PDB file of N, CA and C in Angstrom:
ATOM      1  N   MET A   1       0.815  -1.342  -0.023  1.00  0.00           N
ATOM      2  CA  MET A   1      -0.062  -0.032  -0.001  1.00  0.00           C
ATOM      3  C   MET A   1       0.952   1.278  -0.088  1.00  0.00           C
ATOM      4  N   ARG A   2       0.651   2.131  -0.933  1.00  0.00           N
ATOM      5  CA  ARG A   2       1.367   3.352  -0.922  1.00  0.00           C
ATOM      6  C   ARG A   2       0.810   4.455  -0.005  1.00  0.00           C
ATOM      7  N   VAL A   3       1.648   5.042   0.750  1.00  0.00           N
ATOM      8  CA  VAL A   3       1.167   6.166   1.612  1.00  0.00           C
ATOM      9  C   VAL A   3       1.431   7.496   0.927  1.00  0.00           C
ATOM     10  N   ALA A   4       0.390   8.298   0.885  1.00  0.00           N
ATOM     11  CA  ALA A   4       0.555   9.658   0.419  1.00  0.00           C
ATOM     12  C   ALA A   4       1.276  10.388   1.288  1.00  0.00           C
ATOM     13  N   PRO A   5       2.236  11.236   0.975  1.00  0.00           N
ATOM     14  CA  PRO A   5       2.886  12.087   1.834  1.00  0.00           C
ATOM     15  C   PRO A   5       2.044  13.184   2.489  1.00  0.00           C
ATOM     16  N   LEU A   6       2.413  13.649   3.544  1.00  0.00           N
ATOM     17  CA  LEU A   6       1.595  14.699   4.153  1.00  0.00           C
ATOM     18  C   LEU A   6       2.238  16.046   4.002  1.00  0.00           C
ATOM     19  N   ALA A   7       1.397  16.906   3.456  1.00  0.00           N
ATOM     20  CA  ALA A   7       1.970  18.305   3.200  1.00  0.00           C
ATOM     21  C   ALA A   7       1.418  19.208   4.315  1.00  0.00           C
ATOM     22  N   VAL A   8       2.285  20.091   4.781  1.00  0.00           N
ATOM     23  CA  VAL A   8       1.946  21.005   5.917  1.00  0.00           C
ATOM     24  C   VAL A   8       2.234  22.431   5.486  1.00  0.00           C
ATOM     25  N   GLU A   9       1.213  23.294   5.598  1.00  0.00           N
ATOM     26  CA  GLU A   9       1.419  24.657   5.182  1.00  0.00           C
ATOM     27  C   GLU A   9       0.806  25.474   6.335  1.00  0.00           C
ATOM     28  N   VAL A  10       1.660  26.351   6.829  1.00  0.00           N
ATOM     29  CA  VAL A  10       1.305  27.228   7.927  1.00  0.00           C
ATOM     30  C   VAL A  10       1.224  28.743   7.577  1.00  0.00           C
ATOM     31  N   ARG A  11       0.207  29.438   7.961  1.00  0.00           N
ATOM     32  CA  ARG A  11       0.032  30.801   7.604  1.00  0.00           C
ATOM     33  C   ARG A  11      -0.527  31.598   8.866  1.00  0.00           C
ATOM     34  N   HIS A  12      -0.086  32.729   9.026  1.00  0.00           N
ATOM     35  CA  HIS A  12      -0.591  33.605  10.121  1.00  0.00           C
ATOM     36  C   HIS A  12      -1.371  34.695   9.569  1.00  0.00           C
ATOM     37  N   THR A  13      -2.404  35.025  10.276  1.00  0.00           N
ATOM     38  CA  THR A  13      -3.293  36.142   9.889  1.00  0.00           C
ATOM     39  C   THR A  13      -2.833  37.439  10.560  1.00  0.00           C
ATOM     40  N   PRO A  14      -3.290  38.517   9.937  1.00  0.00           N
ATOM     41  CA  PRO A  14      -2.919  39.911  10.592  1.00  0.00           C
ATOM     42  C   PRO A  14      -3.458  39.940  12.066  1.00  0.00           C
ATOM     43  N   GLU A  15      -4.610  39.106  12.291  1.00  0.00           N
ATOM     44  CA  GLU A  15      -5.210  39.213  13.712  1.00  0.00           C
ATOM     45  C   GLU A  15      -4.490  38.256  14.525  1.00  0.00           C
ATOM     46  N   ASN A  16      -3.283  37.802  14.222  1.00  0.00           N
ATOM     47  CA  ASN A  16      -2.443  36.842  15.159  1.00  0.00           C
ATOM     48  C   ASN A  16      -3.105  35.558  15.353  1.00  0.00           C
ATOM     49  N   ALA A  17      -3.710  35.083  14.415  1.00  0.00           N
ATOM     50  CA  ALA A  17      -4.283  33.656  14.395  1.00  0.00           C
ATOM     51  C   ALA A  17      -3.300  32.849  13.397  1.00  0.00           C
ATOM     52  N   ALA A  18      -3.228  31.484  13.567  1.00  0.00           N
ATOM     53  CA  ALA A  18      -2.363  30.646  12.779  1.00  0.00           C
ATOM     54  C   ALA A  18      -3.402  29.533  12.305  1.00  0.00           C
ATOM     55  N   VAL A  19      -3.137  29.329  10.967  1.00  0.00           N
ATOM     56  CA  VAL A  19      -3.869  28.286  10.282  1.00  0.00           C
ATOM     57  C   VAL A  19      -2.913  27.312   9.898  1.00  0.00           C
ATOM     58  N   CYS A  20      -3.076  26.080  10.255  1.00  0.00           N
ATOM     59  CA  CYS A  20      -2.157  24.980   9.699  1.00  0.00           C
ATOM     60  C   CYS A  20      -3.061  23.972   8.803  1.00  0.00           C
ATOM     61  N   THR A  21      -2.698  23.932   7.519  1.00  0.00           N
ATOM     62  CA  THR A  21      -3.407  23.262   6.517  1.00  0.00           C
ATOM     63  C   THR A  21      -2.581  21.909   6.357  1.00  0.00           C
ATOM     64  N   LEU A  22      -3.314  20.951   6.421  1.00  0.00           N
ATOM     65  CA  LEU A  22      -2.817  19.480   6.187  1.00  0.00           C
ATOM     66  C   LEU A  22      -3.377  19.055   4.972  1.00  0.00           C
ATOM     67  N   SER A  23      -2.599  18.269   4.124  1.00  0.00           N
ATOM     68  CA  SER A  23      -3.000  17.753   2.862  1.00  0.00           C
ATOM     69  C   SER A  23      -2.408  16.350   2.602  1.00  0.00           C
ATOM     70  N   GLY A  24      -3.078  15.481   2.483  1.00  0.00           N
ATOM     71  CA  GLY A  24      -2.591  14.078   2.143  1.00  0.00           C
ATOM     72  C   GLY A  24      -3.100  13.071   3.251  1.00  0.00           C
ATOM     73  N   ASP A  25      -2.278  12.186   3.665  1.00  0.00           N
ATOM     74  CA  ASP A  25      -2.647  11.136   4.699  1.00  0.00           C
ATOM     75  C   ASP A  25      -2.030  11.528   5.965  1.00  0.00           C
ATOM     76  N   LEU A  26      -2.918  11.488   6.968  1.00  0.00           N
ATOM     77  CA  LEU A  26      -2.381  11.806   8.379  1.00  0.00           C
ATOM     78  C   LEU A  26      -2.440  10.557   9.102  1.00  0.00           C
ATOM     79  N   ASP A  27      -1.314   9.776   9.040  1.00  0.00           N
ATOM     80  CA  ASP A  27      -1.271   8.520   9.757  1.00  0.00           C
ATOM     81  C   ASP A  27       0.085   8.326  10.497  1.00  0.00           C
ATOM     82  N   ILE A  28       0.274   7.231  11.084  1.00  0.00           N
ATOM     83  CA  ILE A  28       1.578   6.858  11.831  1.00  0.00           C
ATOM     84  C   ILE A  28       2.683   7.166  10.971  1.00  0.00           C
ATOM     85  N   GLU A  29       2.658   6.926   9.696  1.00  0.00           N
ATOM     86  CA  GLU A  29       4.002   6.979   8.947  1.00  0.00           C
ATOM     87  C   GLU A  29       4.201   8.467   8.384  1.00  0.00           C
ATOM     88  N   THR A  30       3.233   9.274   8.486  1.00  0.00           N
ATOM     89  CA  THR A  30       3.411  10.572   7.791  1.00  0.00           C
ATOM     90  C   THR A  30       3.125  11.664   8.768  1.00  0.00           C
ATOM     91  N   LEU A  31       2.679  11.521  10.076  1.00  0.00           N
ATOM     92  CA  LEU A  31       2.430  12.680  10.855  1.00  0.00           C
ATOM     93  C   LEU A  31       3.360  13.625  11.577  1.00  0.00           C
ATOM     94  N   GLN A  32       4.552  12.962  11.342  1.00  0.00           N
ATOM     95  CA  GLN A  32       5.646  13.859  12.175  1.00  0.00           C
ATOM     96  C   GLN A  32       5.773  15.298  11.589  1.00  0.00           C
ATOM     97  N   PRO A  33       5.680  15.628  10.299  1.00  0.00           N
ATOM     98  CA  PRO A  33       5.648  17.126   9.981  1.00  0.00           C
ATOM     99  C   PRO A  33       4.426  17.863  10.563  1.00  0.00           C
ATOM    100  N   ALA A  34       3.235  17.246  10.636  1.00  0.00           N
ATOM    101  CA  ALA A  34       2.136  17.988  11.418  1.00  0.00           C
ATOM    102  C   ALA A  34       2.366  18.132  12.909  1.00  0.00           C
ATOM    103  N   ARG A  35       2.986  17.126  13.539  1.00  0.00           N
ATOM    104  CA  ARG A  35       3.354  17.193  14.904  1.00  0.00           C
ATOM    105  C   ARG A  35       4.295  18.290  15.146  1.00  0.00           C
ATOM    106  N   GLU A  36       5.347  18.539  14.356  1.00  0.00           N
ATOM    107  CA  GLU A  36       6.399  19.509  14.522  1.00  0.00           C
ATOM    108  C   GLU A  36       5.803  20.880  14.244  1.00  0.00           C
ATOM    109  N   ALA A  37       4.874  21.100  13.217  1.00  0.00           N
ATOM    110  CA  ALA A  37       4.274  22.334  12.973  1.00  0.00           C
ATOM    111  C   ALA A  37       3.269  22.686  14.126  1.00  0.00           C
ATOM    112  N   LEU A  38       2.500  21.784  14.491  1.00  0.00           N
ATOM    113  CA  LEU A  38       1.570  22.146  15.646  1.00  0.00           C
ATOM    114  C   LEU A  38       2.248  22.519  16.903  1.00  0.00           C
ATOM    115  N   ASP A  39       3.450  21.707  17.256  1.00  0.00           N
ATOM    116  CA  ASP A  39       4.093  22.071  18.419  1.00  0.00           C
ATOM    117  C   ASP A  39       4.726  23.520  18.372  1.00  0.00           C
ATOM    118  N   ARG A  40       5.219  23.828  17.073  1.00  0.00           N
ATOM    119  CA  ARG A  40       5.807  25.122  16.876  1.00  0.00           C
ATOM    120  C   ARG A  40       4.786  26.239  17.096  1.00  0.00           C
ATOM    121  N   LEU A  41       3.619  25.929  16.544  1.00  0.00           N
ATOM    122  CA  LEU A  41       2.373  26.974  16.710  1.00  0.00           C
ATOM    123  C   LEU A  41       2.016  26.980  18.025  1.00  0.00           C
ATOM    124  N   LEU A  42       1.923  25.946  18.814  1.00  0.00           N
ATOM    125  CA  LEU A  42       1.506  25.921  20.314  1.00  0.00           C
ATOM    126  C   LEU A  42       2.622  26.925  21.077  1.00  0.00           C
ATOM    127  N   ALA A  43       3.812  26.654  20.781  1.00  0.00           N
ATOM    128  CA  ALA A  43       4.848  27.539  21.442  1.00  0.00           C
ATOM    129  C   ALA A  43       4.752  28.960  21.135  1.00  0.00           C
ATOM    130  N   GLN A  44       4.232  29.385  19.942  1.00  0.00           N
ATOM    131  CA  GLN A  44       3.984  30.793  19.531  1.00  0.00           C
ATOM    132  C   GLN A  44       2.951  31.414  20.241  1.00  0.00           C
ATOM    133  N   ARG A  45       1.986  30.644  20.745  1.00  0.00           N
ATOM    134  CA  ARG A  45       0.822  31.124  21.264  1.00  0.00           C
ATOM    135  C   ARG A  45       0.039  32.239  20.504  1.00  0.00           C
ATOM    136  N   PRO A  46      -0.432  31.706  19.306  1.00  0.00           N
ATOM    137  CA  PRO A  46      -1.287  32.755  18.431  1.00  0.00           C
ATOM    138  C   PRO A  46      -2.742  33.019  19.281  1.00  0.00           C
ATOM    139  N   ARG A  47      -3.436  33.874  18.718  1.00  0.00           N
ATOM    140  CA  ARG A  47      -4.801  34.220  19.339  1.00  0.00           C
ATOM    141  C   ARG A  47      -5.599  32.992  19.184  1.00  0.00           C
ATOM    142  N   ALA A  48      -5.438  32.285  18.160  1.00  0.00           N
ATOM    143  CA  ALA A  48      -6.375  31.114  17.771  1.00  0.00           C
ATOM    144  C   ALA A  48      -5.475  30.208  16.849  1.00  0.00           C
ATOM    145  N   LEU A  49      -5.613  28.857  16.927  1.00  0.00           N
ATOM    146  CA  LEU A  49      -5.021  27.859  16.102  1.00  0.00           C
ATOM    147  C   LEU A  49      -6.153  27.134  15.408  1.00  0.00           C
ATOM    148  N   VAL A  50      -6.090  27.185  14.107  1.00  0.00           N
ATOM    149  CA  VAL A  50      -7.077  26.563  13.246  1.00  0.00           C
ATOM    150  C   VAL A  50      -6.311  25.454  12.478  1.00  0.00           C
ATOM    151  N   VAL A  51      -6.914  24.280  12.547  1.00  0.00           N
ATOM    152  CA  VAL A  51      -6.316  23.248  11.580  1.00  0.00           C
ATOM    153  C   VAL A  51      -7.208  22.867  10.423  1.00  0.00           C
ATOM    154  N   ASP A  52      -6.861  23.136   9.366  1.00  0.00           N
ATOM    155  CA  ASP A  52      -7.622  22.934   8.143  1.00  0.00           C
ATOM    156  C   ASP A  52      -7.410  21.589   7.508  1.00  0.00           C
ATOM    157  N   LEU A  53      -8.586  20.702   7.555  1.00  0.00           N
ATOM    158  CA  LEU A  53      -8.381  19.356   7.230  1.00  0.00           C
ATOM    159  C   LEU A  53      -9.147  19.002   5.965  1.00  0.00           C
ATOM    160  N   GLU A  54      -9.502  20.068   5.205  1.00  0.00           N
ATOM    161  CA  GLU A  54     -10.217  19.774   3.985  1.00  0.00           C
ATOM    162  C   GLU A  54      -9.487  18.865   2.989  1.00  0.00           C
ATOM    163  N   ARG A  55      -8.296  18.778   2.964  1.00  0.00           N
ATOM    164  CA  ARG A  55      -7.458  18.050   2.001  1.00  0.00           C
ATOM    165  C   ARG A  55      -6.855  16.822   2.541  1.00  0.00           C
ATOM    166  N   VAL A  56      -7.295  16.383   3.777  1.00  0.00           N
ATOM    167  CA  VAL A  56      -6.770  15.094   4.272  1.00  0.00           C
ATOM    168  C   VAL A  56      -7.563  13.989   3.749  1.00  0.00           C
ATOM    169  N   ASP A  57      -6.873  13.057   2.978  1.00  0.00           N
ATOM    170  CA  ASP A  57      -7.444  11.973   2.403  1.00  0.00           C
ATOM    171  C   ASP A  57      -7.743  10.859   3.252  1.00  0.00           C
ATOM    172  N   PHE A  58      -6.831  10.716   4.346  1.00  0.00           N
ATOM    173  CA  PHE A  58      -7.028   9.572   5.285  1.00  0.00           C
ATOM    174  C   PHE A  58      -6.448   9.953   6.689  1.00  0.00           C
ATOM    175  N   CYS A  59      -6.965   9.648   7.635  1.00  0.00           N
ATOM    176  CA  CYS A  59      -6.590   9.829   9.028  1.00  0.00           C
ATOM    177  C   CYS A  59      -6.828   8.640   9.933  1.00  0.00           C
ATOM    178  N   ASP A  60      -5.866   8.069  10.492  1.00  0.00           N
ATOM    179  CA  ASP A  60      -5.932   6.975  11.273  1.00  0.00           C
ATOM    180  C   ASP A  60      -5.936   7.379  12.777  1.00  0.00           C
ATOM    181  N   SER A  61      -5.817   6.371  13.773  1.00  0.00           N
ATOM    182  CA  SER A  61      -5.914   6.666  15.120  1.00  0.00           C
ATOM    183  C   SER A  61      -4.759   7.496  15.690  1.00  0.00           C
ATOM    184  N   SER A  62      -3.730   7.348  15.050  1.00  0.00           N
ATOM    185  CA  SER A  62      -2.501   8.167  15.368  1.00  0.00           C
ATOM    186  C   SER A  62      -2.777   9.715  15.135  1.00  0.00           C
ATOM    187  N   GLY A  63      -3.248  10.007  13.904  1.00  0.00           N
ATOM    188  CA  GLY A  63      -3.690  11.265  13.409  1.00  0.00           C
ATOM    189  C   GLY A  63      -4.640  11.948  14.315  1.00  0.00           C
ATOM    190  N   LEU A  64      -5.734  11.102  14.757  1.00  0.00           N
ATOM    191  CA  LEU A  64      -6.643  11.621  15.746  1.00  0.00           C
ATOM    192  C   LEU A  64      -6.000  11.847  17.077  1.00  0.00           C
ATOM    193  N   ASN A  65      -5.174  11.049  17.619  1.00  0.00           N
ATOM    194  CA  ASN A  65      -4.470  11.290  18.763  1.00  0.00           C
ATOM    195  C   ASN A  65      -3.648  12.582  18.647  1.00  0.00           C
ATOM    196  N   LEU A  66      -3.000  12.898  17.424  1.00  0.00           N
ATOM    197  CA  LEU A  66      -2.301  14.161  17.473  1.00  0.00           C
ATOM    198  C   LEU A  66      -3.265  15.350  17.695  1.00  0.00           C
ATOM    199  N   LEU A  67      -4.406  15.208  16.985  1.00  0.00           N
ATOM    200  CA  LEU A  67      -5.354  16.372  17.140  1.00  0.00           C
ATOM    201  C   LEU A  67      -5.929  16.454  18.558  1.00  0.00           C
ATOM    202  N   LEU A  68      -6.151  15.343  19.189  1.00  0.00           N
ATOM    203  CA  LEU A  68      -6.561  15.214  20.645  1.00  0.00           C
ATOM    204  C   LEU A  68      -5.519  15.777  21.512  1.00  0.00           C
ATOM    205  N   GLN A  69      -4.162  15.553  21.361  1.00  0.00           N
ATOM    206  CA  GLN A  69      -3.004  15.973  22.122  1.00  0.00           C
ATOM    207  C   GLN A  69      -2.874  17.435  21.938  1.00  0.00           C
ATOM    208  N   THR A  70      -3.025  17.935  20.750  1.00  0.00           N
ATOM    209  CA  THR A  70      -2.977  19.290  20.425  1.00  0.00           C
ATOM    210  C   THR A  70      -3.924  20.138  21.048  1.00  0.00           C
ATOM    211  N   ARG A  71      -5.200  19.644  20.903  1.00  0.00           N
ATOM    212  CA  ARG A  71      -6.383  20.162  21.672  1.00  0.00           C
ATOM    213  C   ARG A  71      -6.165  20.435  23.189  1.00  0.00           C
ATOM    214  N   MET A  72      -5.659  19.329  23.774  1.00  0.00           N
ATOM    215  CA  MET A  72      -5.472  19.303  25.281  1.00  0.00           C
ATOM    216  C   MET A  72      -4.281  20.435  25.529  1.00  0.00           C
ATOM    217  N   ALA A  73      -3.247  20.293  24.722  1.00  0.00           N
ATOM    218  CA  ALA A  73      -2.067  21.276  25.026  1.00  0.00           C
ATOM    219  C   ALA A  73      -2.462  22.711  24.796  1.00  0.00           C
ATOM    220  N   ALA A  74      -3.459  23.002  23.871  1.00  0.00           N
ATOM    221  CA  ALA A  74      -3.865  24.351  23.723  1.00  0.00           C
ATOM    222  C   ALA A  74      -4.879  24.668  24.884  1.00  0.00           C
ATOM    223  N   ALA A  75      -5.630  23.844  25.356  1.00  0.00           N
ATOM    224  CA  ALA A  75      -6.555  24.090  26.458  1.00  0.00           C
ATOM    225  C   ALA A  75      -5.713  24.412  27.717  1.00  0.00           C
ATOM    226  N   ASP A  76      -4.530  23.749  27.909  1.00  0.00           N
ATOM    227  CA  ASP A  76      -3.658  23.986  29.132  1.00  0.00           C
ATOM    228  C   ASP A  76      -3.217  25.384  29.148  1.00  0.00           C
ATOM    229  N   THR A  77      -3.090  26.002  27.986  1.00  0.00           N
ATOM    230  CA  THR A  77      -2.560  27.389  27.880  1.00  0.00           C
ATOM    231  C   THR A  77      -3.551  28.422  27.597  1.00  0.00           C
ATOM    232  N   GLU A  78      -4.815  27.884  27.548  1.00  0.00           N
ATOM    233  CA  GLU A  78      -6.017  28.801  27.207  1.00  0.00           C
ATOM    234  C   GLU A  78      -5.988  29.370  25.790  1.00  0.00           C
ATOM    235  N   LEU A  79      -5.397  28.596  24.956  1.00  0.00           N
ATOM    236  CA  LEU A  79      -5.377  28.794  23.529  1.00  0.00           C
ATOM    237  C   LEU A  79      -6.441  28.249  22.812  1.00  0.00           C
ATOM    238  N   SER A  80      -7.257  29.213  21.929  1.00  0.00           N
ATOM    239  CA  SER A  80      -8.285  28.564  21.167  1.00  0.00           C
ATOM    240  C   SER A  80      -7.928  27.884  20.059  1.00  0.00           C
ATOM    241  N   PHE A  81      -8.364  26.622  20.026  1.00  0.00           N
ATOM    242  CA  PHE A  81      -8.115  25.526  19.068  1.00  0.00           C
ATOM    243  C   PHE A  81      -9.320  25.058  18.289  1.00  0.00           C
ATOM    244  N   ARG A  82      -9.224  25.187  16.946  1.00  0.00           N
ATOM    245  CA  ARG A  82     -10.388  24.816  16.184  1.00  0.00           C
ATOM    246  C   ARG A  82     -10.013  24.051  14.997  1.00  0.00           C
ATOM    247  N   LEU A  83     -10.902  23.106  14.634  1.00  0.00           N
ATOM    248  CA  LEU A  83     -10.773  22.163  13.488  1.00  0.00           C
ATOM    249  C   LEU A  83     -11.670  22.945  12.385  1.00  0.00           C
ATOM    250  N   ALA A  84     -11.292  22.847  11.140  1.00  0.00           N
ATOM    251  CA  ALA A  84     -12.076  23.534   9.883  1.00  0.00           C
ATOM    252  C   ALA A  84     -12.106  22.652   8.747  1.00  0.00           C
ATOM    253  N   ALA A  85     -13.089  22.747   8.048  1.00  0.00           N
ATOM    254  CA  ALA A  85     -13.262  22.078   6.817  1.00  0.00           C
ATOM    255  C   ALA A  85     -13.035  20.680   6.704  1.00  0.00           C
ATOM    256  N   LEU A  86     -13.475  19.905   7.577  1.00  0.00           N
ATOM    257  CA  LEU A  86     -13.367  18.454   7.735  1.00  0.00           C
ATOM    258  C   LEU A  86     -13.540  17.710   6.390  1.00  0.00           C
ATOM    259  N   SER A  87     -12.637  17.007   6.010  1.00  0.00           N
ATOM    260  CA  SER A  87     -12.719  16.093   4.855  1.00  0.00           C
ATOM    261  C   SER A  87     -13.833  15.031   5.226  1.00  0.00           C
ATOM    262  N   GLY A  88     -14.259  14.261   4.245  1.00  0.00           N
ATOM    263  CA  GLY A  88     -15.169  13.129   4.619  1.00  0.00           C
ATOM    264  C   GLY A  88     -14.466  12.112   5.483  1.00  0.00           C
ATOM    265  N   PRO A  89     -13.234  11.723   5.109  1.00  0.00           N
ATOM    266  CA  PRO A  89     -12.567  10.658   6.015  1.00  0.00           C
ATOM    267  C   PRO A  89     -12.393  11.127   7.529  1.00  0.00           C
ATOM    268  N   VAL A  90     -12.067  12.454   7.635  1.00  0.00           N
ATOM    269  CA  VAL A  90     -11.815  12.973   8.906  1.00  0.00           C
ATOM    270  C   VAL A  90     -13.226  13.071   9.727  1.00  0.00           C
ATOM    271  N   ARG A  91     -14.158  13.631   9.047  1.00  0.00           N
ATOM    272  CA  ARG A  91     -15.463  13.663   9.616  1.00  0.00           C
ATOM    273  C   ARG A  91     -15.982  12.278  10.020  1.00  0.00           C
ATOM    274  N   HIS A  92     -15.776  11.294   9.218  1.00  0.00           N
ATOM    275  CA  HIS A  92     -16.217   9.838   9.615  1.00  0.00           C
ATOM    276  C   HIS A  92     -15.466   9.311  10.860  1.00  0.00           C
ATOM    277  N   LEU A  93     -14.143   9.608  10.920  1.00  0.00           N
ATOM    278  CA  LEU A  93     -13.328   9.160  12.072  1.00  0.00           C
ATOM    279  C   LEU A  93     -13.838   9.824  13.150  1.00  0.00           C
ATOM    280  N   LEU A  94     -14.206  11.125  13.246  1.00  0.00           N
ATOM    281  CA  LEU A  94     -14.559  11.893  14.340  1.00  0.00           C
ATOM    282  C   LEU A  94     -15.859  11.452  14.892  1.00  0.00           C
ATOM    283  N   GLU A  95     -16.690  11.079  14.009  1.00  0.00           N
ATOM    284  CA  GLU A  95     -18.127  10.627  14.306  1.00  0.00           C
ATOM    285  C   GLU A  95     -18.044   9.276  14.852  1.00  0.00           C
ATOM    286  N   LEU A  96     -17.367   8.434  14.230  1.00  0.00           N
ATOM    287  CA  LEU A  96     -17.238   6.972  14.460  1.00  0.00           C
ATOM    288  C   LEU A  96     -16.643   6.763  15.955  1.00  0.00           C
ATOM    289  N   THR A  97     -15.685   7.695  16.296  1.00  0.00           N
ATOM    290  CA  THR A  97     -14.943   7.413  17.637  1.00  0.00           C
ATOM    291  C   THR A  97     -15.602   8.315  18.721  1.00  0.00           C
ATOM    292  N   GLY A  98     -16.604   9.183  18.417  1.00  0.00           N
ATOM    293  CA  GLY A  98     -17.202  10.035  19.210  1.00  0.00           C
ATOM    294  C   GLY A  98     -16.460  11.306  19.642  1.00  0.00           C
ATOM    295  N   ALA A  99     -15.171  11.421  19.043  1.00  0.00           N
ATOM    296  CA  ALA A  99     -14.332  12.530  19.229  1.00  0.00           C
ATOM    297  C   ALA A  99     -14.791  13.974  18.712  1.00  0.00           C
ATOM    298  N   LYS A 100     -15.816  13.824  17.839  1.00  0.00           N
ATOM    299  CA  LYS A 100     -16.263  15.092  17.310  1.00  0.00           C
ATOM    300  C   LYS A 100     -16.809  15.898  18.483  1.00  0.00           C
ATOM    301  N   ALA A 101     -17.269  15.440  19.528  1.00  0.00           N
ATOM    302  CA  ALA A 101     -18.017  16.111  20.584  1.00  0.00           C
ATOM    303  C   ALA A 101     -16.865  16.918  21.350  1.00  0.00           C
ATOM    304  N   VAL A 102     -15.680  16.623  21.210  1.00  0.00           N
ATOM    305  CA  VAL A 102     -14.584  17.463  22.038  1.00  0.00           C
ATOM    306  C   VAL A 102     -13.981  18.471  21.453  1.00  0.00           C
ATOM    307  N   PHE A 103     -14.141  18.551  20.003  1.00  0.00           N
ATOM    308  CA  PHE A 103     -13.530  19.604  19.203  1.00  0.00           C
ATOM    309  C   PHE A 103     -14.549  20.690  18.940  1.00  0.00           C
ATOM    310  N   THR A 104     -13.845  21.927  18.747  1.00  0.00           N
ATOM    311  CA  THR A 104     -14.629  22.878  18.083  1.00  0.00           C
ATOM    312  C   THR A 104     -14.468  22.900  16.734  1.00  0.00           C
ATOM    313  N   ILE A 105     -15.602  22.736  15.899  1.00  0.00           N
ATOM    314  CA  ILE A 105     -15.472  22.394  14.404  1.00  0.00           C
ATOM    315  C   ILE A 105     -16.320  23.454  13.754  1.00  0.00           C
ATOM    316  N   HIS A 106     -15.673  24.014  12.725  1.00  0.00           N
ATOM    317  CA  HIS A 106     -16.246  24.967  11.668  1.00  0.00           C
ATOM    318  C   HIS A 106     -16.183  24.480  10.299  1.00  0.00           C
ATOM    319  N   ASP A 107     -17.242  24.846   9.511  1.00  0.00           N
ATOM    320  CA  ASP A 107     -17.368  24.437   8.175  1.00  0.00           C
ATOM    321  C   ASP A 107     -16.262  24.910   7.225  1.00  0.00           C
ATOM    322  N   THR A 108     -15.690  26.069   7.536  1.00  0.00           N
ATOM    323  CA  THR A 108     -14.715  26.738   6.676  1.00  0.00           C
ATOM    324  C   THR A 108     -13.684  27.371   7.691  1.00  0.00           C
ATOM    325  N   VAL A 109     -12.416  27.529   7.029  1.00  0.00           N
ATOM    326  CA  VAL A 109     -11.338  28.204   7.796  1.00  0.00           C
ATOM    327  C   VAL A 109     -11.821  29.617   8.200  1.00  0.00           C
ATOM    328  N   GLY A 110     -12.480  30.359   7.170  1.00  0.00           N
ATOM    329  CA  GLY A 110     -12.947  31.692   7.423  1.00  0.00           C
ATOM    330  C   GLY A 110     -13.850  31.724   8.675  1.00  0.00           C
ATOM    331  N   ALA A 111     -14.863  30.771   8.830  1.00  0.00           N
ATOM    332  CA  ALA A 111     -15.656  30.754   9.947  1.00  0.00           C
ATOM    333  C   ALA A 111     -14.980  30.500  11.236  1.00  0.00           C
ATOM    334  N   ALA A 112     -14.103  29.610  11.134  1.00  0.00           N
ATOM    335  CA  ALA A 112     -13.256  29.359  12.440  1.00  0.00           C
ATOM    336  C   ALA A 112     -12.479  30.561  12.844  1.00  0.00           C
ATOM    337  N   LEU A 113     -11.835  31.378  11.855  1.00  0.00           N
ATOM    338  CA  LEU A 113     -11.132  32.613  12.170  1.00  0.00           C
ATOM    339  C   LEU A 113     -12.073  33.693  12.746  1.00  0.00           C
ATOM    340  N   ASP A 114     -13.370  33.670  12.212  1.00  0.00           N
ATOM    341  CA  ASP A 114     -14.279  34.788  12.579  1.00  0.00           C
ATOM    342  C   ASP A 114     -15.100  34.393  13.999  1.00  0.00           C
ATOM    343  N   ALA A 115     -14.637  33.218  14.393  1.00  0.00           N
ATOM    344  CA  ALA A 115     -15.548  32.684  15.605  1.00  0.00           C
ATOM    345  C   ALA A 115     -15.530  33.697  16.870  1.00  0.00           C
ATOM    346  N   ASP A 116     -14.421  34.286  17.189  1.00  0.00           N
ATOM    347  CA  ASP A 116     -14.408  35.075  18.375  1.00  0.00           C
ATOM    348  C   ASP A 116     -14.136  36.500  17.986  1.00  0.00           C
ATOM    349  N   ARG A 117     -14.392  36.999  16.830  1.00  0.00           N
ATOM    350  CA  ARG A 117     -14.358  38.381  16.600  1.00  0.00           C
ATOM    351  C   ARG A 117     -15.406  39.177  16.984  1.00  0.00           C
TER     352      ARG A 117
END
């Protein structure tokens, strides 16, 4: 089975929010770049951290654990953490595991960024 590499793109908004866009497979073999980017962003303490999941083709339990760990780390420092634009596979995983209930989820990155304006 061929694993799609994970692309990670980070951008900062003028309002001091950070958006981390993930593209490809988010699984045990590919998640290290996402972990490193999210850890760096947590350390920077933006106003809000939004993870754009629209282009995630596959997410396994290790990807879910990364999102859960990031959510908990953000909560520990009172950082607003949101998921946006869930792809079908990510939405299915969150619903199947019940994890959807613990995240703040928005339909679009724009809605996630506008949430506390």
